Amino acid sequence: MEDQGNFNLEFGDVELLFLATSDDEDLALVAESVIEPSRDIQELLRRTNADVNADIPPPETPARPSATVGPTRFHRCDENELIDIFDGRQSTATKKNTQWAVKLLQDWCLEVAGEPVGLETVDPPTLGRLLAQFYCEARPAKPQPGNPSGHLYHRNTLINIRAGINRKLADLNRNIDVVRDKEFKYANGMLDGLLKKRASQGLAQYTQHHEPLEDEDQEKISTYLLGAHSSPVVLRQAVWYSLSLQFVSRGLEFHHQLRRDSFVFQSDGTGEYVTISCDTKQKNYQGGLRSSEAPSGQRMYATGGQNCPVALLKLLI
């Protein structure tokens, strides 16, 4: 038996390794079939690609601007409208909170270093070192009620301060995230250790919530709202109270977004009820990219009697 050799042949970017015999005619036949694909294969590929492309709709051809005046498909935003939309991504309360957090940081810098930090130009490593010390030294101007030490910020307040500084950097178009960037790992670790140390020392303050209304207070409110049919002021207060109990989660933005056509009156086997026809922006449901969807399907049923919320809502509308 004659020896067989190994030959490396390239077809495009793929290297094919095969065994070649000593027969020159067989070698030529194999090499030709590997280096140059047959016409049948080329035809098959062409037909396959044509079948695939046939299922893809052609791109929508943009319409050329027309000199004639008429209805257009797309809305045109001027510069002021774009600025207003971008500025509206944060509520007024959030903007005030951002200003307060930045002012607190700048006041600390003035006291410690004698000058404020330039958030427009400061580099991340420098800002990270400043924040690590700032978190530990930040103190309220007045004693905090309910705090065992009286002169320390609540855990949520410190986290809120960090978030405010982060929002300010975003407003300045700085590509910096003081929560997630690696340059601030030390500062965040310092904040985490500070909160744990205060908890172990008994200096952590519990989160305080509003006490629920007592039954006696609710009875007083119901008695007062009986005058809704004789006073337009009490009528507005009664509807406000009913809508707040049924539809509002947190915050006061809900009522300002309502219009007469925001309410849908329907009935089922239980009786007549009211729903809200559109999503509303609330404290826990801001409606942005990262916001969760507000709960839907909430209903306010008619109860009958003088304080029936559905009847009072119809009377106000």
Protein backbone atom coordinates (compact mmCIF):
# COMPACT_ATOMS: atom_id res chain seq x y z
CA MET A 1 0.00 0.00 0.00
CA GLU A 2 1.32 3.42 -0.95
CA ASP A 3 1.76 6.16 1.62
CA GLN A 4 -0.97 8.76 2.00
CA GLY A 5 -0.25 12.40 2.74
CA ASN A 6 -2.15 15.20 4.51
CA PHE A 7 -2.97 18.36 2.54
CA ASN A 8 -4.42 21.62 3.86
CA LEU A 9 -6.72 23.45 1.45
CA GLU A 10 -8.43 26.73 2.19
CA PHE A 11 -11.91 27.72 1.04
CA GLY A 12 -12.64 31.27 2.10
CA ASP A 13 -11.78 31.52 5.81
CA VAL A 14 -12.37 27.81 6.49
CA GLU A 15 -9.43 25.44 6.40
CA LEU A 16 -10.28 21.93 5.24
CA LEU A 17 -8.07 19.02 6.13
CA PHE A 18 -8.48 15.82 4.14
CA LEU A 19 -6.55 12.75 3.14
CA ALA A 20 -5.33 12.69 -0.43
CA THR A 21 -4.24 9.63 -2.32
CA SER A 22 -1.25 9.45 -4.57
CA ASP A 23 -3.54 9.33 -7.61
CA ASP A 24 -3.12 12.70 -9.34
CA GLU A 25 -6.49 12.52 -11.09
CA ASP A 26 -8.34 11.82 -7.85
CA LEU A 27 -6.38 14.61 -6.11
CA ALA A 28 -7.30 17.13 -8.79
CA LEU A 29 -10.95 16.12 -8.66
CA VAL A 30 -11.13 16.47 -4.86
CA ALA A 31 -9.26 19.77 -4.81
CA GLU A 32 -11.51 21.27 -7.49
CA SER A 33 -14.67 20.25 -5.64
CA VAL A 34 -13.41 21.75 -2.37
CA ILE A 35 -11.94 25.01 -3.61
CA GLU A 36 -14.76 25.97 -5.98
CA PRO A 37 -18.34 25.17 -4.89
CA SER A 38 -20.45 23.66 -7.58
CA ARG A 39 -23.02 25.64 -9.50
CA ASP A 40 -25.77 23.52 -8.01
CA ILE A 41 -24.83 24.62 -4.49
CA GLN A 42 -24.63 28.26 -5.56
CA GLU A 43 -28.05 28.02 -7.13
CA LEU A 44 -29.45 26.38 -4.00
CA LEU A 45 -28.05 29.15 -1.77
CA ARG A 46 -29.43 31.81 -4.08
CA ARG A 47 -32.92 30.30 -3.96
CA THR A 48 -32.78 29.85 -0.18
CA ASN A 49 -31.81 33.47 0.41
CA ALA A 50 -34.53 34.59 -1.96
CA ASP A 51 -37.13 32.58 -0.02
CA VAL A 52 -35.97 34.05 3.31
CA ASN A 53 -35.96 37.61 2.03
CA ALA A 54 -39.41 37.15 0.55
CA ASP A 55 -40.88 36.82 4.07
CA ILE A 56 -39.30 40.08 5.28
CA PRO A 57 -41.39 43.14 4.48
CA PRO A 58 -39.53 45.93 2.70
CA PRO A 59 -38.52 48.91 4.86
CA GLU A 60 -41.02 51.71 5.04
CA THR A 61 -40.06 54.37 2.55
CA PRO A 62 -39.91 57.76 4.28
CA ALA A 63 -42.20 60.31 2.75
CA ARG A 64 -40.51 63.26 1.18
CA PRO A 65 -41.36 66.65 2.62
CA SER A 66 -44.25 68.11 0.72
CA ALA A 67 -44.62 71.74 -0.10
CA THR A 68 -48.36 71.50 0.44
CA VAL A 69 -49.80 72.15 3.86
CA GLY A 70 -51.72 69.21 5.29
CA PRO A 71 -51.93 66.70 8.12
CA THR A 72 -48.64 65.00 9.05
CA ARG A 73 -48.04 61.66 10.66
CA PHE A 74 -45.41 62.69 13.22
CA HIS A 75 -45.58 65.35 15.89
CA ARG A 76 -42.99 68.12 15.73
CA CYS A 77 -41.37 69.11 19.04
CA ASP A 78 -39.70 72.48 19.42
CA GLU A 79 -36.77 73.05 21.76
CA ASN A 80 -38.92 74.34 24.63
CA GLU A 81 -41.19 71.30 24.48
CA LEU A 82 -38.23 68.91 24.55
CA ILE A 83 -36.77 70.72 27.56
CA ASP A 84 -40.13 70.59 29.32
CA ILE A 85 -40.48 66.84 28.68
CA PHE A 86 -36.98 66.10 29.96
CA ASP A 87 -37.48 68.34 32.98
CA GLY A 88 -40.77 66.63 33.79
CA ARG A 89 -39.16 63.26 34.44
CA GLN A 90 -38.80 64.31 38.09
CA SER A 91 -41.50 65.62 40.39
CA THR A 92 -41.22 68.96 42.16
CA ALA A 93 -40.62 67.20 45.48
CA THR A 94 -37.80 65.15 43.94
CA LYS A 95 -36.12 68.28 42.58
CA LYS A 96 -36.28 69.95 45.99
CA ASN A 97 -34.83 66.83 47.56
CA THR A 98 -31.96 66.89 45.05
CA GLN A 99 -31.21 70.52 45.86
CA TRP A 100 -31.22 69.78 49.57
CA ALA A 101 -28.83 66.82 49.23
CA VAL A 102 -26.38 68.82 47.09
CA LYS A 103 -26.53 71.79 49.48
CA LEU A 104 -25.76 69.48 52.40
CA LEU A 105 -22.71 68.11 50.58
CA GLN A 106 -21.49 71.60 49.65
CA ASP A 107 -21.98 72.89 53.21
CA TRP A 108 -19.87 70.00 54.49
CA CYS A 109 -17.15 70.74 51.91
CA LEU A 110 -17.10 74.41 52.91
CA GLU A 111 -16.73 73.49 56.58
CA VAL A 112 -14.09 70.80 56.06
CA ALA A 113 -12.09 72.06 53.05
CA GLY A 114 -13.06 75.72 52.85
CA GLU A 115 -14.47 75.44 49.32
CA PRO A 116 -17.31 73.62 47.56
CA VAL A 117 -16.71 70.64 45.30
CA GLY A 118 -17.17 71.22 41.59
CA LEU A 119 -19.58 68.48 40.61
CA GLU A 120 -19.29 69.58 36.98
CA THR A 121 -15.59 68.68 36.80
CA VAL A 122 -14.60 66.50 39.77
CA ASP A 123 -13.19 63.11 38.78
CA PRO A 124 -14.86 59.93 40.12
CA PRO A 125 -11.98 58.75 42.37
CA THR A 126 -11.80 62.13 44.12
CA LEU A 127 -15.56 62.31 44.54
CA GLY A 128 -15.57 58.75 45.89
CA ARG A 129 -13.06 59.64 48.62
CA LEU A 130 -15.06 62.74 49.55
CA LEU A 131 -18.33 60.82 49.80
CA ALA A 132 -16.80 58.11 51.97
CA GLN A 133 -15.90 60.71 54.58
CA PHE A 134 -19.04 62.77 54.02
CA TYR A 135 -21.38 59.86 54.77
CA CYS A 136 -19.72 59.35 58.16
CA GLU A 137 -19.62 63.02 59.15
CA ALA A 138 -23.01 64.27 57.88
CA ARG A 139 -25.18 65.56 60.71
CA PRO A 140 -28.60 67.27 60.81
CA ALA A 141 -28.80 70.94 61.73
CA LYS A 142 -31.44 70.17 64.37
CA PRO A 143 -31.97 67.09 66.55
CA GLN A 144 -34.07 64.42 64.88
CA PRO A 145 -37.27 63.61 66.80
CA GLY A 146 -37.52 59.97 67.82
CA ASN A 147 -33.80 59.34 67.24
CA PRO A 148 -32.06 57.78 70.28
CA SER A 149 -28.96 59.89 69.70
CA GLY A 150 -30.86 62.94 68.47
CA HIS A 151 -28.09 64.15 66.14
CA LEU A 152 -27.79 61.41 63.52
CA TYR A 153 -29.54 61.03 60.20
CA HIS A 154 -31.95 58.14 59.74
CA ARG A 155 -30.79 55.28 57.53
CA ASN A 156 -33.30 56.18 54.82
CA THR A 157 -32.18 59.82 54.94
CA LEU A 158 -28.56 58.91 54.23
CA ILE A 159 -29.60 56.70 51.33
CA ASN A 160 -31.80 59.55 50.12
CA ILE A 161 -28.86 61.96 50.26
CA ARG A 162 -26.78 59.62 48.13
CA ALA A 163 -29.62 59.34 45.59
CA GLY A 164 -29.94 63.14 45.44
CA ILE A 165 -26.25 63.56 44.66
CA ASN A 166 -26.57 60.90 41.98
CA ARG A 167 -29.50 62.73 40.37
CA LYS A 168 -27.55 65.99 40.36
CA LEU A 169 -24.69 64.33 38.48
CA ALA A 170 -27.19 63.02 35.93
CA ASP A 171 -28.66 66.51 35.54
CA LEU A 172 -25.14 67.76 34.79
CA ASN A 173 -24.79 65.07 32.07
CA ARG A 174 -21.95 63.45 34.01
CA ASN A 175 -21.57 59.77 33.15
CA ILE A 176 -21.11 58.94 36.84
CA ASP A 177 -23.16 56.68 39.09
CA VAL A 178 -22.26 56.96 42.78
CA VAL A 179 -24.34 53.87 43.54
CA ARG A 180 -23.01 51.34 41.00
CA ASP A 181 -19.67 52.55 39.63
CA LYS A 182 -16.55 50.78 40.86
CA GLU A 183 -14.92 54.10 41.82
CA PHE A 184 -17.52 54.44 44.59
CA LYS A 185 -17.29 50.90 45.96
CA TYR A 186 -15.25 52.13 48.92
CA ALA A 187 -17.69 54.97 49.66
CA ASN A 188 -20.69 52.65 49.51
CA GLY A 189 -18.90 50.12 51.68
CA MET A 190 -18.24 52.89 54.19
CA LEU A 191 -21.92 53.82 54.21
CA ASP A 192 -22.93 50.19 54.66
CA GLY A 193 -20.50 49.71 57.53
CA LEU A 194 -21.66 52.95 59.16
CA LEU A 195 -25.30 51.86 59.17
CA LYS A 196 -24.44 48.43 60.55
CA LYS A 197 -22.29 49.95 63.31
CA ARG A 198 -25.07 52.29 64.39
CA ALA A 199 -27.53 49.39 64.43
CA SER A 200 -25.22 47.33 66.66
CA GLN A 201 -24.76 50.31 69.00
CA GLY A 202 -28.49 50.87 69.32
CA LEU A 203 -28.34 54.20 67.49
CA ALA A 204 -30.48 53.17 64.51
CA GLN A 205 -33.87 54.84 64.37
CA TYR A 206 -37.01 52.94 63.46
CA THR A 207 -39.00 54.13 60.47
CA GLN A 208 -41.97 56.08 61.76
CA HIS A 209 -45.34 55.73 60.01
CA HIS A 210 -48.52 57.70 60.48
CA GLU A 211 -50.94 56.17 62.89
CA PRO A 212 -54.20 54.90 61.31
CA LEU A 213 -57.38 56.84 61.95
CA GLU A 214 -59.22 55.79 65.05
CA ASP A 215 -62.83 54.63 64.71
CA GLU A 216 -63.95 57.66 66.68
CA ASP A 217 -62.18 60.02 64.26
CA GLN A 218 -63.68 58.27 61.26
CA GLU A 219 -67.13 58.66 62.78
CA LYS A 220 -66.54 62.40 63.19
CA ILE A 221 -65.50 62.69 59.55
CA SER A 222 -68.58 60.80 58.36
CA THR A 223 -70.83 63.06 60.43
CA TYR A 224 -69.20 66.18 59.02
CA LEU A 225 -69.52 64.94 55.43
CA LEU A 226 -73.28 64.57 55.84
CA GLY A 227 -73.48 68.22 54.89
CA ALA A 228 -72.24 67.50 51.34
CA HIS A 229 -75.73 67.90 49.87
CA SER A 230 -76.12 71.42 51.29
CA SER A 231 -72.58 72.81 50.93
CA PRO A 232 -70.43 72.77 47.76
CA VAL A 233 -67.30 72.99 49.90
CA VAL A 234 -68.22 69.94 51.95
CA LEU A 235 -69.22 68.16 48.72
CA ARG A 236 -65.73 68.63 47.27
CA GLN A 237 -64.18 67.47 50.54
CA ALA A 238 -66.42 64.39 50.63
CA VAL A 239 -65.50 63.37 47.06
CA TRP A 240 -61.81 64.04 47.76
CA TYR A 241 -61.98 61.86 50.86
CA SER A 242 -63.75 58.99 49.08
CA LEU A 243 -61.37 58.99 46.09
CA SER A 244 -58.35 59.10 48.39
CA LEU A 245 -59.50 56.08 50.37
CA GLN A 246 -60.26 54.03 47.28
CA PHE A 247 -57.71 54.96 44.59
CA VAL A 248 -54.71 56.77 46.10
CA SER A 249 -51.64 54.82 47.24
CA ARG A 250 -49.29 57.65 48.29
CA GLY A 251 -48.75 61.27 47.39
CA LEU A 252 -51.05 64.11 46.34
CA GLU A 253 -50.51 64.13 42.56
CA PHE A 254 -53.55 61.94 41.95
CA HIS A 255 -56.31 64.53 42.36
CA HIS A 256 -54.73 67.16 40.11
CA GLN A 257 -54.75 64.77 37.16
CA LEU A 258 -58.46 64.01 37.24
CA ARG A 259 -60.97 65.40 34.74
CA ARG A 260 -64.67 64.91 34.29
CA ASP A 261 -64.06 62.17 31.73
CA SER A 262 -61.63 60.34 34.05
CA PHE A 263 -64.47 58.39 35.66
CA VAL A 264 -66.33 55.41 34.19
CA PHE A 265 -69.65 54.45 35.76
CA GLN A 266 -70.58 50.77 35.41
CA SER A 267 -72.66 48.12 37.11
CA ASP A 268 -72.38 44.42 37.92
CA GLY A 269 -74.20 41.92 40.07
CA THR A 270 -73.07 43.70 43.22
CA GLY A 271 -74.26 47.15 42.15
CA GLU A 272 -73.03 50.37 40.58
CA TYR A 273 -69.36 51.25 40.76
CA VAL A 274 -66.81 53.75 39.44
CA THR A 275 -63.37 53.12 37.89
CA ILE A 276 -60.62 55.44 36.63
CA SER A 277 -60.34 55.51 32.84
CA CYS A 278 -56.56 56.12 32.64
CA ASP A 279 -53.35 55.56 34.58
CA THR A 280 -52.46 58.30 37.03
CA LYS A 281 -49.06 59.34 38.27
CA GLN A 282 -48.60 58.72 41.98
CA LYS A 283 -45.69 58.58 44.38
CA ASN A 284 -45.19 54.85 43.96
CA TYR A 285 -46.16 54.76 40.26
CA GLN A 286 -44.35 57.47 38.31
CA GLY A 287 -44.99 55.98 34.88
CA GLY A 288 -41.36 56.15 33.69
CA LEU A 289 -39.08 53.48 32.22
CA ARG A 290 -38.23 52.00 35.60
CA SER A 291 -41.62 52.43 37.20
CA SER A 292 -43.84 49.48 37.90
CA GLU A 293 -47.33 49.49 36.48
CA ALA A 294 -50.01 50.97 38.70
CA PRO A 295 -52.63 48.52 39.97
CA SER A 296 -55.66 48.38 37.71
CA GLY A 297 -59.23 47.28 38.23
CA GLN A 298 -59.82 49.32 41.38
CA ARG A 299 -63.49 50.05 41.95
CA MET A 300 -65.49 52.35 44.19
CA TYR A 301 -68.92 50.84 44.80
CA ALA A 302 -72.12 52.63 45.66
CA THR A 303 -73.13 52.14 49.28
CA GLY A 304 -76.45 53.95 49.39
CA GLY A 305 -77.40 56.54 51.97
CA GLN A 306 -76.39 60.19 52.27
CA ASN A 307 -72.64 59.52 52.12
CA CYS A 308 -72.75 57.21 49.08
CA PRO A 309 -69.43 57.96 47.29
CA VAL A 310 -70.78 57.24 43.81
CA ALA A 311 -73.83 59.48 44.30
CA LEU A 312 -71.67 62.30 45.66
CA LEU A 313 -69.26 62.00 42.74
CA LYS A 314 -72.14 62.24 40.27
CA LEU A 315 -73.47 65.28 42.12
CA LEU A 316 -70.07 67.02 41.95
CA ILE A 317 -69.63 66.26 38.25
